[in-house]
Amino acid sequence: MSKKDRIALVLSVIFIGFAVAAAMDESYASDKLQVFLTLMVVPTVYWGYRFIKGDISFLKMKSED
């Protein structure tokens, strides 16, 4: 796993934790799911982009030569 992947994973976990905490906040009582899904767009788009580009080192398969 590259350093770039480790940094991205840590930041993603922190952002997902923030999304869960914000969704559980009582001030968003009627819109909890909407708040959670809105905040989850950022890590989903980021990891989707990296997956499409093939830039995730821990998902690379070794070729059988």
Protein backbone atom coordinates (compact mmCIF):
# COMPACT_ATOMS: atom_id res chain seq x y z
CA MET A 1 0.00 0.00 0.00
CA SER A 2 1.44 3.32 -1.01
CA LYS A 3 1.72 6.39 1.18
CA LYS A 4 -0.92 8.10 -0.98
CA ASP A 5 -3.36 5.25 -0.28
CA ARG A 6 -2.72 5.34 3.47
CA ILE A 7 -3.33 9.09 3.63
CA ALA A 8 -6.50 8.74 1.55
CA LEU A 9 -7.81 5.95 3.80
CA VAL A 10 -7.19 7.93 6.99
CA LEU A 11 -8.86 11.04 5.59
CA SER A 12 -11.79 8.97 4.30
CA VAL A 13 -12.33 7.33 7.68
CA ILE A 14 -12.23 10.72 9.40
CA PHE A 15 -14.68 12.18 6.87
CA ILE A 16 -17.03 9.19 7.19
CA GLY A 17 -16.90 9.55 10.98
CA PHE A 18 -17.78 13.22 10.59
CA ALA A 19 -20.70 12.28 8.31
CA VAL A 20 -22.02 9.77 10.85
CA ALA A 21 -21.65 12.26 13.72
CA ALA A 22 -23.40 15.01 11.74
CA ALA A 23 -26.23 12.67 10.80
CA MET A 24 -26.73 11.67 14.43
CA ASP A 25 -26.93 15.30 15.58
CA GLU A 26 -30.38 16.07 16.93
CA SER A 27 -30.59 19.40 15.09
CA TYR A 28 -31.01 17.41 11.86
CA ALA A 29 -33.75 15.22 13.29
CA SER A 30 -35.92 15.05 10.18
CA ASP A 31 -33.10 15.01 7.62
CA LYS A 32 -30.60 12.51 9.06
CA LEU A 33 -30.44 10.31 5.98
CA GLN A 34 -30.18 13.27 3.64
CA VAL A 35 -27.32 14.80 5.68
CA PHE A 36 -25.47 11.48 5.77
CA LEU A 37 -25.85 10.81 2.05
CA THR A 38 -24.85 14.36 1.14
CA LEU A 39 -21.66 14.13 3.19
CA MET A 40 -20.87 10.66 1.79
CA VAL A 41 -20.75 12.04 -1.76
CA VAL A 42 -17.18 13.32 -1.28
CA PRO A 43 -15.46 10.02 -0.33
CA THR A 44 -17.62 8.05 -2.77
CA VAL A 45 -16.69 10.27 -5.72
CA TYR A 46 -13.01 10.30 -4.69
CA TRP A 47 -12.69 6.52 -4.37
CA GLY A 48 -14.81 5.97 -7.47
CA TYR A 49 -12.49 8.23 -9.48
CA ARG A 50 -9.39 6.44 -8.20
CA PHE A 51 -10.97 3.05 -8.92
CA ILE A 52 -11.83 4.02 -12.49
CA LYS A 53 -8.31 5.38 -13.06
CA GLY A 54 -6.79 2.19 -11.59
CA ASP A 55 -4.86 4.24 -9.05
CA ILE A 56 -5.53 2.14 -5.95
CA SER A 57 -2.36 0.18 -5.27
CA PHE A 58 -3.85 -2.31 -2.82
CA LEU A 59 -6.38 -3.49 -5.46
CA LYS A 60 -3.82 -4.22 -8.16
CA MET A 61 -3.66 -7.87 -9.12
CA LYS A 62 -0.34 -9.46 -9.89
CA SER A 63 -0.15 -10.74 -13.44
CA GLU A 64 0.62 -14.40 -13.91
CA ASP A 65 3.53 -14.41 -16.38
